[in-house]
């Protein structure tokens, strides 16, 4: 399996897990008001960091063009409406060139997922949680059957998202010692993975398997978090969103520049890779510190808790 696509699948798995955890932490999040609060929360979470990353990507492309002599404008939207469509993450619907190629489409998928979740929040009642979860699994199975007109973007990665929902349900029901709910969620996760395997969709089967590993590791969660390498990974997790957005504009750009002077089979190229990783992490840390954290602070002041 391509490592990049594997990362995307795990990204959607974690997204489903995180949103399920948020809904459980906030049982009062229901109805139209709850859906509106959820939407505001997610917009504060996604767009400030995305816009800052777009600005940084354009600046880096402009700076790199002095070395490559390439027309940096050729790889970015050319008109005002195209730029607006990219800033609003509408490129998959408008066909315009994205400001952050290769990564921004995943955020569009996330926004579509949020719309589906908002519908669930509007319909949410204390008595119908299992019914809504069943609808989420049914939607995932529908996506496995093949693309449907007008629903492609919703269904393309919904199965990975649903795997995350089910993983949280297993972990949460284990913590609350509700065995029937745990068994039902485990059966749904296994069934989703099996259905994907029978329909020759190994990526979704792999995602379900990764979800199973998450469940298996849950019992050792506290011991794992106490390990020094894991604590370092926790720090990386705090900057993971801007790092995801900037690993191509910074990391890949530095690698491509390094190829101009150092052969890729040379030992010295390891220094290029290290510099690319350090550069991407430094850019992500800067965006996290000066954009993401202030945006979360503003959201809290507006009584919109961001988690």
Protein backbone atom coordinates (compact mmCIF):
# COMPACT_ATOMS: atom_id res chain seq x y z
CA UNK A 1 0.00 0.00 0.00
CA UNK A 2 1.21 3.51 -0.82
CA UNK A 3 2.44 5.14 2.40
CA UNK A 4 0.80 8.46 1.51
CA UNK A 5 -2.64 6.91 1.08
CA UNK A 6 -2.15 4.91 4.26
CA UNK A 7 -1.53 8.17 6.09
CA UNK A 8 -4.70 9.67 4.62
CA UNK A 9 -6.77 6.67 5.70
CA UNK A 10 -5.40 6.84 9.26
CA UNK A 11 -6.05 10.59 9.25
CA UNK A 12 -9.75 10.00 8.55
CA UNK A 13 -9.82 7.16 11.11
CA UNK A 14 -8.47 9.49 13.81
CA UNK A 15 -10.88 12.21 12.70
CA UNK A 16 -13.85 9.89 13.21
CA UNK A 17 -12.51 8.87 16.62
CA UNK A 18 -11.99 12.48 17.70
CA UNK A 19 -15.42 13.65 16.62
CA UNK A 20 -17.10 10.71 18.37
CA UNK A 21 -15.20 11.59 21.55
CA UNK A 22 -16.33 15.21 21.25
CA UNK A 23 -19.98 14.23 20.89
CA UNK A 24 -19.79 11.97 23.95
CA UNK A 25 -18.07 14.68 26.01
CA UNK A 26 -20.84 17.12 25.08
CA UNK A 27 -24.14 15.22 25.44
CA UNK A 28 -26.07 18.48 25.24
CA UNK A 29 -24.81 19.12 21.72
CA UNK A 30 -28.05 18.47 19.83
CA UNK A 31 -30.67 20.20 17.74
CA UNK A 32 -30.15 23.16 15.45
CA UNK A 33 -28.28 25.21 18.06
CA UNK A 34 -25.92 22.33 18.74
CA UNK A 35 -25.25 21.86 15.03
CA UNK A 36 -24.49 25.58 14.65
CA UNK A 37 -22.10 25.51 17.64
CA UNK A 38 -20.40 22.44 16.17
CA UNK A 39 -20.00 24.16 12.80
CA UNK A 40 -18.47 27.28 14.36
CA UNK A 41 -16.12 25.11 16.38
CA UNK A 42 -14.89 23.24 13.30
CA UNK A 43 -14.51 26.39 11.19
CA UNK A 44 -12.30 27.97 13.87
CA UNK A 45 -10.30 24.75 13.94
CA UNK A 46 -9.71 24.40 10.21
CA UNK A 47 -9.61 27.73 8.41
CA UNK A 48 -7.16 30.01 10.32
CA UNK A 49 -4.38 27.41 10.11
CA UNK A 50 -5.28 26.57 6.51
CA UNK A 51 -5.18 30.21 5.41
CA UNK A 52 -1.86 30.81 7.17
CA UNK A 53 -0.43 27.70 5.49
CA UNK A 54 -1.67 28.89 2.09
CA UNK A 55 0.03 32.25 2.60
CA UNK A 56 3.26 30.53 3.63
CA UNK A 57 3.09 28.16 0.65
CA UNK A 58 2.70 31.03 -1.81
CA UNK A 59 5.60 32.90 -0.20
CA UNK A 60 7.85 29.83 -0.36
CA UNK A 61 6.93 29.21 -4.01
CA UNK A 62 7.81 32.80 -4.82
CA UNK A 63 11.15 32.49 -3.01
CA UNK A 64 11.97 29.13 -4.62
CA UNK A 65 11.27 30.50 -8.10
CA UNK A 66 14.44 32.57 -7.79
CA UNK A 67 16.41 29.30 -7.80
CA UNK A 68 14.28 27.21 -10.16
CA UNK A 69 13.42 30.06 -12.58
CA UNK A 70 9.92 28.56 -12.78
CA UNK A 71 6.75 30.59 -13.07
CA UNK A 72 5.38 30.14 -9.56
CA UNK A 73 1.99 31.50 -10.63
CA UNK A 74 1.48 28.48 -12.91
CA UNK A 75 0.89 26.18 -9.93
CA UNK A 76 -1.60 28.43 -8.11
CA UNK A 77 -5.12 29.70 -8.91
CA UNK A 78 -4.96 32.37 -11.58
CA UNK A 79 -8.11 34.43 -11.02
CA UNK A 80 -9.84 36.04 -8.07
CA UNK A 81 -12.80 33.61 -8.06
CA UNK A 82 -10.37 30.68 -8.28
CA UNK A 83 -8.40 31.99 -5.30
CA UNK A 84 -11.64 32.44 -3.35
CA UNK A 85 -12.74 28.90 -4.21
CA UNK A 86 -9.41 27.56 -2.99
CA UNK A 87 -9.53 29.59 0.23
CA UNK A 88 -12.99 28.15 0.91
CA UNK A 89 -11.85 24.59 0.05
CA UNK A 90 -14.22 24.33 -2.90
CA UNK A 91 -11.62 23.18 -5.47
CA UNK A 92 -13.02 19.63 -5.90
CA UNK A 93 -16.37 21.18 -6.90
CA UNK A 94 -15.01 24.01 -9.07
CA UNK A 95 -12.05 22.23 -10.67
CA UNK A 96 -9.65 25.05 -9.81
CA UNK A 97 -5.98 24.65 -8.91
CA UNK A 98 -5.62 24.40 -5.11
CA UNK A 99 -3.36 26.67 -3.07
CA UNK A 100 -2.15 23.59 -1.18
CA UNK A 101 -1.94 20.78 -3.76
CA UNK A 102 -2.20 17.15 -2.60
CA UNK A 103 -3.55 17.98 0.87
CA UNK A 104 -6.39 20.52 0.71
CA UNK A 105 -8.85 18.01 -0.80
CA UNK A 106 -8.73 16.05 2.46
CA UNK A 107 -10.00 19.13 4.30
CA UNK A 108 -12.87 19.37 1.81
CA UNK A 109 -13.74 15.77 2.67
CA UNK A 110 -13.60 16.71 6.35
CA UNK A 111 -16.03 19.57 5.77
CA UNK A 112 -18.42 17.23 4.01
CA UNK A 113 -18.11 14.81 6.93
CA UNK A 114 -18.96 17.68 9.27
CA UNK A 115 -22.14 18.39 7.30
CA UNK A 116 -23.20 14.77 7.74
CA UNK A 117 -22.34 14.91 11.46
CA UNK A 118 -24.36 18.14 11.77
CA UNK A 119 -27.39 16.32 10.40
CA UNK A 120 -26.81 13.67 13.05
CA UNK A 121 -26.56 16.35 15.75
CA UNK A 122 -29.86 17.89 14.63
CA UNK A 123 -31.52 14.46 14.84
CA UNK A 124 -29.70 13.49 18.03
CA UNK A 125 -31.77 12.31 20.99
CA UNK A 126 -30.72 10.33 24.09
CA UNK A 127 -32.69 7.34 22.81
CA UNK A 128 -31.44 7.16 19.22
CA UNK A 129 -27.62 7.13 19.51
CA UNK A 130 -27.42 3.48 18.42
CA UNK A 131 -29.71 4.21 15.47
CA UNK A 132 -27.52 7.09 14.30
CA UNK A 133 -24.37 4.96 14.63
CA UNK A 134 -26.09 2.25 12.60
CA UNK A 135 -26.90 4.82 9.91
CA UNK A 136 -23.22 5.85 9.84
CA UNK A 137 -22.16 2.21 9.30
CA UNK A 138 -24.85 1.77 6.64
CA UNK A 139 -23.53 4.84 4.83
CA UNK A 140 -20.04 3.32 4.94
CA UNK A 141 -21.33 0.05 3.46
CA UNK A 142 -23.12 2.04 0.77
CA UNK A 143 -19.83 3.66 -0.12
CA UNK A 144 -18.16 0.25 -0.45
CA UNK A 145 -20.71 -0.75 -3.07
CA UNK A 146 -19.38 1.88 -5.47
CA UNK A 147 -19.59 5.59 -6.24
CA UNK A 148 -23.04 7.12 -6.48
CA UNK A 149 -23.83 10.27 -8.51
CA UNK A 150 -23.56 13.36 -6.33
CA UNK A 151 -22.38 11.43 -3.28
CA UNK A 152 -18.85 10.55 -4.35
CA UNK A 153 -17.09 12.98 -2.04
CA UNK A 154 -19.29 11.99 0.90
CA UNK A 155 -18.83 8.26 0.48
CA UNK A 156 -15.27 8.01 -0.82
CA UNK A 157 -13.68 8.08 2.64
CA UNK A 158 -16.68 7.74 4.91
CA UNK A 159 -15.80 4.08 5.64
CA UNK A 160 -12.47 5.17 7.18
CA UNK A 161 -14.30 7.85 9.17
CA UNK A 162 -16.88 5.29 10.34
CA UNK A 163 -14.04 2.99 11.48
CA UNK A 164 -12.90 5.79 13.77
CA UNK A 165 -16.43 6.18 15.16
CA UNK A 166 -16.59 2.45 15.89
CA UNK A 167 -13.14 2.36 17.50
CA UNK A 168 -14.22 5.07 19.93
CA UNK A 169 -17.46 3.25 20.67
CA UNK A 170 -15.49 0.11 21.58
CA UNK A 171 -13.05 2.00 23.80
CA UNK A 172 -15.77 4.09 25.43
CA UNK A 173 -18.04 1.12 26.10
CA UNK A 174 -15.10 -0.78 27.60
CA UNK A 175 -14.36 2.15 29.90
CA UNK A 176 -18.02 2.29 30.94
CA UNK A 177 -18.19 -1.52 31.20
CA UNK A 178 -21.12 -1.86 28.83
CA UNK A 179 -20.32 -5.22 27.25
CA UNK A 180 -23.26 -5.42 24.77
CA UNK A 181 -22.37 -2.06 23.22
CA UNK A 182 -18.70 -3.06 23.02
CA UNK A 183 -19.50 -6.35 21.29
CA UNK A 184 -21.85 -4.63 18.83
CA UNK A 185 -19.25 -2.01 17.89
CA UNK A 186 -16.53 -4.65 17.54
CA UNK A 187 -18.80 -6.74 15.32
CA UNK A 188 -19.59 -3.70 13.15
CA UNK A 189 -15.89 -2.85 12.79
CA UNK A 190 -15.01 -6.42 11.88
CA UNK A 191 -17.96 -6.62 9.49
CA UNK A 192 -16.92 -3.42 7.76
CA UNK A 193 -13.39 -4.73 7.31
CA UNK A 194 -14.66 -8.08 6.02
CA UNK A 195 -17.07 -6.43 3.58
CA UNK A 196 -14.24 -4.27 2.24
CA UNK A 197 -12.07 -7.36 1.78
CA UNK A 198 -14.82 -9.21 -0.09
CA UNK A 199 -15.32 -6.16 -2.33
CA UNK A 200 -11.58 -5.93 -3.03
CA UNK A 201 -11.00 -2.69 -1.17
CA UNK A 202 -7.87 -3.51 0.85
CA UNK A 203 -7.31 0.06 2.06
CA UNK A 204 -10.51 0.02 4.09
CA UNK A 205 -9.73 -3.47 5.39
CA UNK A 206 -6.32 -2.17 6.49
CA UNK A 207 -7.95 0.85 8.16
CA UNK A 208 -10.27 -1.45 10.11
CA UNK A 209 -7.20 -3.48 11.11
CA UNK A 210 -5.42 -0.35 12.32
CA UNK A 211 -8.53 0.47 14.33
CA UNK A 212 -8.26 -2.98 15.90
CA UNK A 213 -4.65 -2.25 16.86
CA UNK A 214 -5.77 1.00 18.49
CA UNK A 215 -8.32 -0.95 20.53
CA UNK A 216 -5.71 -3.53 21.54
CA UNK A 217 -3.30 -0.78 22.64
CA UNK A 218 -5.96 1.05 24.68
CA UNK A 219 -5.47 -1.10 27.78
CA UNK A 220 -1.79 -0.09 27.84
CA UNK A 221 -2.54 3.56 27.15
CA UNK A 222 -1.19 5.00 30.41
CA UNK A 223 2.01 2.92 30.29
CA UNK A 224 2.63 3.88 26.65
CA UNK A 225 2.09 7.58 27.35
CA UNK A 226 4.67 7.44 30.13
CA UNK A 227 7.41 6.37 27.72
CA UNK A 228 9.73 9.20 26.69
CA UNK A 229 9.45 8.53 22.89
CA UNK A 230 5.66 8.52 23.17
CA UNK A 231 5.71 11.84 25.02
CA UNK A 232 7.72 13.27 22.12
CA UNK A 233 5.10 11.93 19.73
CA UNK A 234 2.42 13.64 21.83
CA UNK A 235 4.21 16.94 21.18
CA UNK A 236 4.24 16.11 17.46
CA UNK A 237 0.52 15.46 17.72
CA UNK A 238 -0.07 19.03 18.88
CA UNK A 239 1.46 20.37 15.66
CA UNK A 240 0.15 17.58 13.44
CA UNK A 241 -2.46 19.70 11.62
CA UNK A 242 -0.10 22.46 10.40
CA UNK A 243 2.58 19.81 9.79
CA UNK A 244 0.17 17.92 7.54
CA UNK A 245 -0.55 21.08 5.57
CA UNK A 246 3.10 22.17 5.27
CA UNK A 247 5.00 18.94 4.75
CA UNK A 248 4.73 19.37 0.96
CA UNK A 249 5.16 23.15 0.59
CA UNK A 250 8.23 23.08 2.86
CA UNK A 251 9.54 19.52 3.09
CA UNK A 252 9.05 18.41 -0.50
CA UNK A 253 10.24 21.77 -1.83
CA UNK A 254 13.49 21.48 0.14
CA UNK A 255 13.96 17.93 -1.10
CA UNK A 256 13.46 19.02 -4.71
CA UNK A 257 15.92 21.86 -4.25
CA UNK A 258 18.44 19.46 -2.71
CA UNK A 259 18.18 17.16 -5.74
CA UNK A 260 19.62 19.95 -7.85
CA UNK A 261 22.99 19.73 -6.12
CA UNK A 262 23.15 16.34 -4.36
CA UNK A 263 22.52 12.91 -5.87
CA UNK A 264 19.67 11.05 -4.20
CA UNK A 265 21.83 7.92 -3.75
CA UNK A 266 24.51 9.90 -1.92
CA UNK A 267 24.92 9.67 1.85
CA UNK A 268 24.83 13.47 1.92
CA UNK A 269 21.24 13.34 0.70
CA UNK A 270 20.30 12.13 4.18
CA UNK A 271 21.18 15.64 5.33
CA UNK A 272 18.73 17.02 2.77
CA UNK A 273 16.00 14.75 4.12
CA UNK A 274 16.82 15.78 7.69
CA UNK A 275 16.75 19.46 6.69
CA UNK A 276 13.41 18.97 4.94
CA UNK A 277 11.92 17.31 8.02
CA UNK A 278 13.31 19.99 10.33
CA UNK A 279 12.06 22.76 8.05
CA UNK A 280 8.54 21.31 7.86
CA UNK A 281 8.39 20.89 11.64
CA UNK A 282 9.74 24.40 12.23
CA UNK A 283 7.10 25.87 9.92
CA UNK A 284 4.38 23.79 11.60
CA UNK A 285 5.54 24.90 15.04
CA UNK A 286 5.46 28.56 13.97
CA UNK A 287 1.92 28.25 12.59
CA UNK A 288 0.82 26.34 15.68
CA UNK A 289 2.24 28.95 18.03
CA UNK A 290 1.27 32.13 16.21
CA UNK A 291 -1.94 31.09 14.45
CA UNK A 292 -3.48 27.88 15.80
CA UNK A 293 -3.18 28.66 19.52
CA UNK A 294 -4.42 32.26 19.16
CA UNK A 295 -7.35 31.02 17.06
CA UNK A 296 -8.26 28.51 19.76
CA UNK A 297 -8.02 31.29 22.35
CA UNK A 298 -10.36 33.49 20.32
CA UNK A 299 -12.78 30.59 19.95
CA UNK A 300 -12.81 30.05 23.71
CA UNK A 301 -13.51 33.74 24.27
CA UNK A 302 -16.47 33.36 21.94
CA UNK A 303 -17.66 30.45 24.13
CA UNK A 304 -16.77 27.92 21.45
CA UNK A 305 -14.61 25.28 23.16
CA UNK A 306 -12.06 23.84 20.70
CA UNK A 307 -10.75 20.36 21.42
